[in-house]
Amino acid sequence: MPECDSVLKFPVEKDYTDTFLAYEEGAKKGYCNFVIYGGTGGRLDHTIANIQTLANISKNGGRGFLIGNGTVITAVTNSVIEFPAETAGKAGVFAFGGDAIGVDISGMKYTAQKINISPYFPLGVSNEFINKSAKISVGNGTLIIVWYETSKQFSRNIDKYLI
């Protein structure tokens, strides 16, 4: 098999995950949106590492998604994410890396205005999309947002979620 110039090879034993190295390479090339398929299954330690990668992407002004097994995960830092009305299923909102200050949730079954969410208390679990446009924002901090894609609309309309 011929060698490709675009393939990067790294040692098996390294400090960073392959997913994080791929993100860094994309960021060096100026990309700010990252969609990682299959990043939620298998080993839990790798799933957590991938969620940390999402938080890093978000902290640096980008948007990343993990997609797998009917689940979509993203991170929002000092920002907002909007969901079209056709988004269906359940969702959870969790603080990551510290308190999330000034969280607003609108257009969902359970709404909130200017609340603070702690990473030590699961306040944002089991919310639901209700056939309305929804919005989740955080004034200061990082949120991890997990939703279960029952309608498969995310995959069909991914461009609506990108920044």
N, C-alpha and C. Protein backbone atom coordinates (compact mmCIF):
# COMPACT_ATOMS: atom_id res chain seq x y z
N MET A 1 0.85 -1.18 0.00
CA MET A 1 0.00 0.00 0.00
C MET A 1 0.89 1.24 0.00
N PRO A 2 0.60 2.23 -0.86
CA PRO A 2 1.43 3.42 -0.92
C PRO A 2 1.28 4.28 0.33
N GLU A 3 2.32 4.99 0.67
CA GLU A 3 2.33 5.90 1.81
C GLU A 3 1.61 7.20 1.43
N CYS A 4 0.71 7.70 2.26
CA CYS A 4 0.00 8.95 2.00
C CYS A 4 0.67 10.07 2.78
N ASP A 5 0.85 11.21 2.10
CA ASP A 5 1.45 12.37 2.77
C ASP A 5 0.53 12.96 3.84
N SER A 6 -0.77 12.73 3.72
CA SER A 6 -1.70 13.36 4.65
C SER A 6 -1.95 12.53 5.90
N VAL A 7 -1.34 11.38 6.02
CA VAL A 7 -1.53 10.53 7.20
C VAL A 7 -0.47 10.88 8.23
N LEU A 8 -0.93 11.22 9.43
CA LEU A 8 -0.01 11.48 10.53
C LEU A 8 0.09 10.23 11.39
N LYS A 9 1.28 9.89 11.77
CA LYS A 9 1.49 8.71 12.60
C LYS A 9 2.09 9.14 13.93
N PHE A 10 1.56 8.56 15.01
CA PHE A 10 2.03 8.87 16.35
C PHE A 10 2.34 7.57 17.05
N PRO A 11 3.24 7.60 18.02
CA PRO A 11 3.53 6.38 18.76
C PRO A 11 2.30 5.92 19.55
N VAL A 12 2.21 4.64 19.77
CA VAL A 12 1.10 4.09 20.56
C VAL A 12 1.14 4.65 21.97
N GLU A 13 2.30 4.71 22.56
CA GLU A 13 2.46 5.27 23.91
C GLU A 13 2.74 6.75 23.79
N LYS A 14 1.76 7.57 24.20
CA LYS A 14 1.86 9.02 24.09
C LYS A 14 1.02 9.67 25.19
N ASP A 15 1.16 10.96 25.36
CA ASP A 15 0.43 11.67 26.41
C ASP A 15 -0.98 12.05 26.01
N TYR A 16 -1.27 12.17 24.72
CA TYR A 16 -2.56 12.64 24.24
C TYR A 16 -3.31 11.52 23.52
N THR A 17 -4.63 11.60 23.56
CA THR A 17 -5.42 10.61 22.83
C THR A 17 -5.35 10.92 21.33
N ASP A 18 -5.67 9.93 20.52
CA ASP A 18 -5.71 10.13 19.08
C ASP A 18 -6.75 11.20 18.71
N THR A 19 -7.88 11.20 19.40
CA THR A 19 -8.92 12.19 19.12
C THR A 19 -8.42 13.59 19.41
N PHE A 20 -7.73 13.78 20.52
CA PHE A 20 -7.21 15.11 20.85
C PHE A 20 -6.16 15.54 19.84
N LEU A 21 -5.30 14.62 19.42
CA LEU A 21 -4.28 14.95 18.42
C LEU A 21 -4.94 15.33 17.09
N ALA A 22 -6.01 14.65 16.71
CA ALA A 22 -6.73 14.99 15.49
C ALA A 22 -7.35 16.39 15.60
N TYR A 23 -7.94 16.68 16.76
CA TYR A 23 -8.49 18.03 16.98
C TYR A 23 -7.39 19.08 16.87
N GLU A 24 -6.26 18.86 17.53
CA GLU A 24 -5.16 19.84 17.46
C GLU A 24 -4.71 20.08 16.02
N GLU A 25 -4.62 19.03 15.24
CA GLU A 25 -4.21 19.16 13.84
C GLU A 25 -5.24 19.98 13.06
N GLY A 26 -6.53 19.69 13.28
CA GLY A 26 -7.57 20.48 12.61
C GLY A 26 -7.54 21.94 13.03
N ALA A 27 -7.33 22.19 14.32
CA ALA A 27 -7.27 23.57 14.81
C ALA A 27 -6.09 24.32 14.19
N LYS A 28 -4.95 23.64 14.04
CA LYS A 28 -3.78 24.26 13.38
C LYS A 28 -4.11 24.68 11.96
N LYS A 29 -5.00 23.93 11.31
CA LYS A 29 -5.38 24.24 9.93
C LYS A 29 -6.53 25.23 9.85
N GLY A 30 -6.99 25.73 11.01
CA GLY A 30 -8.01 26.76 11.03
C GLY A 30 -9.45 26.28 11.18
N TYR A 31 -9.64 24.99 11.42
CA TYR A 31 -11.00 24.49 11.59
C TYR A 31 -11.50 24.82 13.00
N CYS A 32 -12.80 25.10 13.11
CA CYS A 32 -13.37 25.38 14.43
C CYS A 32 -14.55 24.46 14.75
N ASN A 33 -15.04 23.69 13.79
CA ASN A 33 -16.13 22.75 14.01
C ASN A 33 -15.60 21.33 13.84
N PHE A 34 -15.95 20.46 14.81
CA PHE A 34 -15.46 19.09 14.80
C PHE A 34 -16.61 18.14 15.13
N VAL A 35 -16.79 17.14 14.29
CA VAL A 35 -17.82 16.13 14.51
C VAL A 35 -17.12 14.80 14.61
N ILE A 36 -17.24 14.16 15.76
CA ILE A 36 -16.53 12.91 16.04
C ILE A 36 -17.57 11.80 16.14
N TYR A 37 -17.56 10.92 15.18
CA TYR A 37 -18.49 9.79 15.16
C TYR A 37 -17.88 8.62 15.90
N GLY A 38 -18.68 7.96 16.73
CA GLY A 38 -18.21 6.80 17.46
C GLY A 38 -17.41 7.13 18.70
N GLY A 39 -17.43 8.37 19.14
CA GLY A 39 -16.63 8.78 20.29
C GLY A 39 -17.31 8.57 21.63
N THR A 40 -18.44 7.86 21.65
CA THR A 40 -19.18 7.67 22.90
C THR A 40 -19.27 6.22 23.34
N GLY A 41 -18.76 5.32 22.56
CA GLY A 41 -18.90 3.90 22.89
C GLY A 41 -17.58 3.30 23.34
N GLY A 42 -17.63 2.06 23.71
CA GLY A 42 -16.39 1.40 24.10
C GLY A 42 -15.99 1.74 25.51
N ARG A 43 -14.76 2.14 25.67
CA ARG A 43 -14.20 2.39 27.00
C ARG A 43 -14.66 3.72 27.58
N LEU A 44 -15.13 3.70 28.81
CA LEU A 44 -15.61 4.90 29.48
C LEU A 44 -14.50 5.94 29.62
N ASP A 45 -13.26 5.51 29.90
CA ASP A 45 -12.18 6.48 30.06
C ASP A 45 -11.94 7.26 28.76
N HIS A 46 -12.10 6.59 27.61
CA HIS A 46 -11.95 7.30 26.34
C HIS A 46 -13.12 8.23 26.08
N THR A 47 -14.33 7.84 26.48
CA THR A 47 -15.49 8.72 26.33
C THR A 47 -15.28 9.99 27.16
N ILE A 48 -14.82 9.84 28.39
CA ILE A 48 -14.56 11.01 29.25
C ILE A 48 -13.46 11.87 28.63
N ALA A 49 -12.41 11.26 28.10
CA ALA A 49 -11.35 12.02 27.43
C ALA A 49 -11.91 12.78 26.24
N ASN A 50 -12.82 12.16 25.50
CA ASN A 50 -13.43 12.85 24.36
C ASN A 50 -14.30 14.01 24.81
N ILE A 51 -14.99 13.88 25.94
CA ILE A 51 -15.77 14.99 26.49
C ILE A 51 -14.82 16.12 26.91
N GLN A 52 -13.68 15.78 27.48
CA GLN A 52 -12.68 16.80 27.81
C GLN A 52 -12.20 17.51 26.54
N THR A 53 -12.05 16.76 25.46
CA THR A 53 -11.66 17.37 24.19
C THR A 53 -12.73 18.35 23.72
N LEU A 54 -14.01 17.97 23.85
CA LEU A 54 -15.10 18.89 23.50
C LEU A 54 -15.00 20.18 24.31
N ALA A 55 -14.71 20.06 25.60
CA ALA A 55 -14.59 21.24 26.46
C ALA A 55 -13.43 22.12 25.99
N ASN A 56 -12.34 21.50 25.57
CA ASN A 56 -11.19 22.26 25.06
C ASN A 56 -11.56 22.98 23.77
N ILE A 57 -12.25 22.29 22.88
CA ILE A 57 -12.69 22.92 21.63
C ILE A 57 -13.55 24.13 21.94
N SER A 58 -14.52 23.96 22.85
CA SER A 58 -15.43 25.03 23.22
C SER A 58 -14.69 26.19 23.87
N LYS A 59 -13.79 25.88 24.77
CA LYS A 59 -13.00 26.91 25.47
C LYS A 59 -12.22 27.76 24.47
N ASN A 60 -11.83 27.16 23.36
CA ASN A 60 -11.05 27.86 22.34
C ASN A 60 -11.92 28.44 21.22
N GLY A 61 -13.23 28.53 21.47
CA GLY A 61 -14.12 29.22 20.54
C GLY A 61 -14.73 28.37 19.45
N GLY A 62 -14.53 27.06 19.50
CA GLY A 62 -15.09 26.18 18.48
C GLY A 62 -16.30 25.42 18.98
N ARG A 63 -16.76 24.52 18.15
CA ARG A 63 -17.89 23.67 18.52
C ARG A 63 -17.56 22.26 18.09
N GLY A 64 -17.68 21.33 19.01
CA GLY A 64 -17.43 19.92 18.72
C GLY A 64 -18.59 19.07 19.16
N PHE A 65 -18.75 17.93 18.50
CA PHE A 65 -19.81 17.00 18.82
C PHE A 65 -19.27 15.58 18.84
N LEU A 66 -19.71 14.81 19.82
CA LEU A 66 -19.50 13.36 19.84
C LEU A 66 -20.83 12.74 19.46
N ILE A 67 -20.81 11.79 18.54
CA ILE A 67 -22.04 11.16 18.08
C ILE A 67 -21.85 9.66 18.11
N GLY A 68 -22.77 8.97 18.77
CA GLY A 68 -22.71 7.52 18.77
C GLY A 68 -23.82 6.91 19.60
N ASN A 69 -24.29 5.77 19.18
CA ASN A 69 -25.30 5.02 19.91
C ASN A 69 -26.54 5.85 20.22
N GLY A 70 -26.95 6.72 19.29
CA GLY A 70 -28.14 7.54 19.49
C GLY A 70 -27.94 8.71 20.42
N THR A 71 -26.69 8.98 20.81
CA THR A 71 -26.37 10.05 21.74
C THR A 71 -25.53 11.11 21.03
N VAL A 72 -25.80 12.38 21.34
CA VAL A 72 -24.99 13.49 20.87
C VAL A 72 -24.53 14.26 22.10
N ILE A 73 -23.25 14.62 22.13
CA ILE A 73 -22.69 15.39 23.25
C ILE A 73 -21.95 16.58 22.67
N THR A 74 -22.11 17.74 23.30
CA THR A 74 -21.36 18.92 22.91
C THR A 74 -21.00 19.71 24.16
N ALA A 75 -20.19 20.74 23.99
CA ALA A 75 -19.82 21.64 25.08
C ALA A 75 -20.06 23.07 24.62
N VAL A 76 -20.48 23.90 25.56
CA VAL A 76 -20.71 25.32 25.31
C VAL A 76 -19.99 26.10 26.40
N THR A 77 -19.12 27.01 26.02
CA THR A 77 -18.39 27.84 26.98
C THR A 77 -18.72 29.31 26.73
N ASN A 78 -19.28 29.97 27.74
CA ASN A 78 -19.63 31.40 27.65
C ASN A 78 -20.38 31.69 26.35
N SER A 79 -21.31 30.83 26.01
CA SER A 79 -21.95 30.91 24.70
C SER A 79 -23.34 30.30 24.74
N VAL A 80 -23.88 30.03 23.55
CA VAL A 80 -25.24 29.51 23.41
C VAL A 80 -25.27 28.45 22.32
N ILE A 81 -26.18 27.52 22.45
CA ILE A 81 -26.50 26.58 21.38
C ILE A 81 -28.00 26.61 21.18
N GLU A 82 -28.41 26.59 19.92
CA GLU A 82 -29.84 26.61 19.59
C GLU A 82 -30.20 25.30 18.91
N PHE A 83 -31.40 24.82 19.21
CA PHE A 83 -31.91 23.57 18.65
C PHE A 83 -33.17 23.87 17.85
N PRO A 84 -33.26 23.36 16.62
CA PRO A 84 -34.49 23.57 15.85
C PRO A 84 -35.67 22.82 16.46
N ALA A 85 -36.86 23.25 16.11
CA ALA A 85 -38.09 22.69 16.70
C ALA A 85 -38.21 21.19 16.49
N GLU A 86 -37.65 20.66 15.42
CA GLU A 86 -37.77 19.22 15.16
C GLU A 86 -36.86 18.36 16.03
N THR A 87 -36.00 18.98 16.86
CA THR A 87 -35.17 18.21 17.77
C THR A 87 -36.07 17.49 18.76
N ALA A 88 -35.84 16.20 18.95
CA ALA A 88 -36.70 15.40 19.83
C ALA A 88 -35.83 14.61 20.80
N GLY A 89 -36.43 14.21 21.90
CA GLY A 89 -35.74 13.36 22.86
C GLY A 89 -35.46 14.06 24.17
N LYS A 90 -34.66 13.39 24.99
CA LYS A 90 -34.29 13.89 26.31
C LYS A 90 -32.90 14.51 26.24
N ALA A 91 -32.61 15.40 27.20
CA ALA A 91 -31.32 16.08 27.24
C ALA A 91 -30.90 16.32 28.68
N GLY A 92 -29.61 16.39 28.89
CA GLY A 92 -29.04 16.74 30.18
C GLY A 92 -28.03 17.86 30.00
N VAL A 93 -27.96 18.73 31.00
CA VAL A 93 -27.05 19.88 30.97
C VAL A 93 -26.21 19.81 32.25
N PHE A 94 -24.89 19.80 32.10
CA PHE A 94 -24.00 19.61 33.24
C PHE A 94 -22.87 20.64 33.22
N ALA A 95 -22.54 21.18 34.40
CA ALA A 95 -21.38 22.07 34.51
C ALA A 95 -20.11 21.23 34.38
N PHE A 96 -19.09 21.83 33.77
CA PHE A 96 -17.83 21.12 33.56
C PHE A 96 -16.68 22.04 33.94
N GLY A 97 -15.79 21.57 34.78
CA GLY A 97 -14.59 22.32 35.11
C GLY A 97 -14.80 23.44 36.12
N GLY A 98 -15.95 23.54 36.69
CA GLY A 98 -16.27 24.59 37.65
C GLY A 98 -17.73 24.96 37.50
N ASP A 99 -18.17 25.92 38.30
CA ASP A 99 -19.57 26.34 38.24
C ASP A 99 -19.88 26.98 36.89
N ALA A 100 -21.08 26.74 36.41
CA ALA A 100 -21.60 27.39 35.21
C ALA A 100 -22.57 28.47 35.70
N ILE A 101 -22.25 29.72 35.42
CA ILE A 101 -22.97 30.87 35.96
C ILE A 101 -23.89 31.47 34.90
N GLY A 102 -25.10 31.80 35.29
CA GLY A 102 -26.03 32.46 34.38
C GLY A 102 -26.53 31.56 33.27
N VAL A 103 -26.97 30.37 33.64
CA VAL A 103 -27.46 29.41 32.65
C VAL A 103 -28.93 29.70 32.34
N ASP A 104 -29.24 29.79 31.05
CA ASP A 104 -30.62 29.95 30.58
C ASP A 104 -30.98 28.73 29.75
N ILE A 105 -32.17 28.20 29.97
CA ILE A 105 -32.71 27.11 29.17
C ILE A 105 -34.12 27.52 28.77
N SER A 106 -34.37 27.60 27.46
CA SER A 106 -35.70 27.99 26.99
C SER A 106 -36.16 27.03 25.89
N GLY A 107 -37.48 26.94 25.72
CA GLY A 107 -38.06 26.10 24.68
C GLY A 107 -38.01 24.61 24.98
N MET A 108 -37.74 24.25 26.23
CA MET A 108 -37.72 22.85 26.64
C MET A 108 -38.77 22.64 27.73
N LYS A 109 -39.01 21.39 28.10
CA LYS A 109 -40.02 21.09 29.12
C LYS A 109 -39.73 21.84 30.42
N TYR A 110 -38.47 21.83 30.85
CA TYR A 110 -38.07 22.54 32.05
C TYR A 110 -37.19 23.71 31.63
N THR A 111 -37.60 24.91 31.99
CA THR A 111 -36.87 26.11 31.61
C THR A 111 -36.13 26.67 32.83
N ALA A 112 -35.20 27.54 32.58
CA ALA A 112 -34.45 28.18 33.66
C ALA A 112 -33.95 29.53 33.17
N GLN A 113 -33.83 30.46 34.09
CA GLN A 113 -33.28 31.77 33.76
C GLN A 113 -32.23 32.14 34.79
N LYS A 114 -31.05 32.40 34.29
CA LYS A 114 -29.93 32.90 35.10
C LYS A 114 -29.67 32.07 36.35
N ILE A 115 -29.68 30.75 36.19
CA ILE A 115 -29.35 29.89 37.32
C ILE A 115 -27.87 29.53 37.27
N ASN A 116 -27.36 29.06 38.38
CA ASN A 116 -26.00 28.57 38.44
C ASN A 116 -26.04 27.06 38.61
N ILE A 117 -25.19 26.36 37.87
CA ILE A 117 -25.12 24.91 37.95
C ILE A 117 -23.74 24.52 38.42
N SER A 118 -23.71 23.66 39.41
CA SER A 118 -22.45 23.18 39.99
C SER A 118 -22.06 21.85 39.35
N PRO A 119 -20.76 21.60 39.20
CA PRO A 119 -20.34 20.29 38.69
C PRO A 119 -20.50 19.17 39.73
N TYR A 120 -20.96 19.53 40.92
CA TYR A 120 -21.08 18.55 41.99
C TYR A 120 -22.52 18.19 42.33
N PHE A 121 -23.47 18.71 41.52
CA PHE A 121 -24.88 18.45 41.77
C PHE A 121 -25.59 18.33 40.43
N PRO A 122 -26.23 17.19 40.14
CA PRO A 122 -26.81 16.94 38.81
C PRO A 122 -28.17 17.60 38.61
N LEU A 123 -28.18 18.92 38.61
CA LEU A 123 -29.43 19.67 38.50
C LEU A 123 -30.06 19.58 37.10
N GLY A 124 -29.27 19.48 36.04
CA GLY A 124 -29.79 19.60 34.69
C GLY A 124 -30.14 18.31 33.97
N VAL A 125 -30.34 17.24 34.69
CA VAL A 125 -30.60 15.95 34.05
C VAL A 125 -32.08 15.79 33.69
N SER A 126 -32.37 15.00 32.66
CA SER A 126 -33.74 14.59 32.27
C SER A 126 -34.65 15.72 31.81
N ASN A 127 -34.11 16.65 31.04
CA ASN A 127 -34.98 17.64 30.40
C ASN A 127 -35.47 17.04 29.09
N GLU A 128 -36.42 17.72 28.42
CA GLU A 128 -36.98 17.17 27.18
C GLU A 128 -37.23 18.27 26.16
N PHE A 129 -36.98 17.93 24.89
CA PHE A 129 -37.38 18.80 23.80
C PHE A 129 -38.89 18.65 23.59
N ILE A 130 -39.57 19.76 23.25
CA ILE A 130 -41.04 19.74 23.19
C ILE A 130 -41.56 20.33 21.88
N ASN A 131 -40.93 20.02 20.77
CA ASN A 131 -41.38 20.48 19.45
C ASN A 131 -41.38 22.00 19.33
N LYS A 132 -40.47 22.65 20.04
CA LYS A 132 -40.28 24.09 19.94
C LYS A 132 -38.79 24.34 19.74
N SER A 133 -38.45 25.46 19.14
CA SER A 133 -37.04 25.85 19.10
C SER A 133 -36.57 25.99 20.54
N ALA A 134 -35.39 25.47 20.82
CA ALA A 134 -34.86 25.52 22.18
C ALA A 134 -33.50 26.20 22.16
N LYS A 135 -33.13 26.72 23.32
CA LYS A 135 -31.86 27.41 23.45
C LYS A 135 -31.29 27.14 24.83
N ILE A 136 -29.99 26.85 24.86
CA ILE A 136 -29.27 26.67 26.13
C ILE A 136 -28.05 27.59 26.08
N SER A 137 -27.90 28.41 27.11
CA SER A 137 -26.75 29.32 27.13
C SER A 137 -26.14 29.37 28.52
N VAL A 138 -24.89 29.79 28.56
CA VAL A 138 -24.18 29.98 29.82
C VAL A 138 -23.41 31.30 29.73
N GLY A 139 -23.58 32.14 30.75
CA GLY A 139 -22.88 33.42 30.78
C GLY A 139 -21.40 33.28 31.06
N ASN A 140 -21.07 32.40 32.03
CA ASN A 140 -19.68 32.21 32.41
C ASN A 140 -19.48 30.76 32.83
N GLY A 141 -18.64 30.05 32.11
CA GLY A 141 -18.35 28.66 32.43
C GLY A 141 -18.61 27.76 31.23
N THR A 142 -18.50 26.47 31.48
CA THR A 142 -18.68 25.48 30.42
C THR A 142 -19.78 24.51 30.81
N LEU A 143 -20.65 24.24 29.84
CA LEU A 143 -21.69 23.25 29.99
C LEU A 143 -21.40 22.08 29.06
N ILE A 144 -21.63 20.87 29.54
CA ILE A 144 -21.67 19.69 28.70
C ILE A 144 -23.14 19.38 28.49
N ILE A 145 -23.54 19.28 27.23
CA ILE A 145 -24.93 19.02 26.90
C ILE A 145 -25.01 17.66 26.21
N VAL A 146 -25.84 16.80 26.76
CA VAL A 146 -26.01 15.43 26.24
C VAL A 146 -27.46 15.28 25.84
N TRP A 147 -27.70 14.85 24.60
CA TRP A 147 -29.08 14.56 24.24
C TRP A 147 -29.15 13.27 23.44
N TYR A 148 -30.34 12.68 23.53
CA TYR A 148 -30.59 11.40 22.90
C TYR A 148 -31.40 11.66 21.65
N GLU A 149 -30.80 11.37 20.53
CA GLU A 149 -31.30 11.76 19.23
C GLU A 149 -32.36 10.76 18.74
N THR A 150 -33.56 10.89 19.25
CA THR A 150 -34.61 9.95 18.89
C THR A 150 -35.12 10.15 17.46
N SER A 151 -35.01 11.37 16.94
CA SER A 151 -35.53 11.67 15.61
C SER A 151 -34.48 11.61 14.51
N LYS A 152 -33.22 11.51 14.88
CA LYS A 152 -32.10 11.51 13.92
C LYS A 152 -32.01 12.83 13.15
N GLN A 153 -32.64 13.88 13.64
CA GLN A 153 -32.59 15.17 12.96
C GLN A 153 -31.20 15.80 13.04
N PHE A 154 -30.46 15.53 14.09
CA PHE A 154 -29.13 16.13 14.20
C PHE A 154 -28.27 15.75 13.01
N SER A 155 -28.20 14.46 12.74
CA SER A 155 -27.35 13.98 11.65
C SER A 155 -27.79 14.56 10.31
N ARG A 156 -29.08 14.75 10.13
CA ARG A 156 -29.59 15.29 8.86
C ARG A 156 -29.41 16.80 8.75
N ASN A 157 -29.31 17.49 9.88
CA ASN A 157 -29.26 18.95 9.89
C ASN A 157 -28.09 19.49 10.69
N ILE A 158 -26.95 18.84 10.61
CA ILE A 158 -25.81 19.20 11.45
C ILE A 158 -25.39 20.66 11.25
N ASP A 159 -25.56 21.19 10.06
CA ASP A 159 -25.14 22.57 9.79
C ASP A 159 -25.88 23.59 10.65
N LYS A 160 -27.05 23.27 11.15
CA LYS A 160 -27.80 24.19 12.02
C LYS A 160 -27.14 24.37 13.38
N TYR A 161 -26.28 23.44 13.76
CA TYR A 161 -25.67 23.47 15.08
C TYR A 161 -24.26 24.05 15.08
N LEU A 162 -23.67 24.19 13.92
CA LEU A 162 -22.29 24.62 13.83
C LEU A 162 -22.18 26.13 13.96
N ILE A 163 -21.03 26.59 14.44
CA ILE A 163 -20.84 28.03 14.61
C ILE A 163 -20.04 28.60 13.47
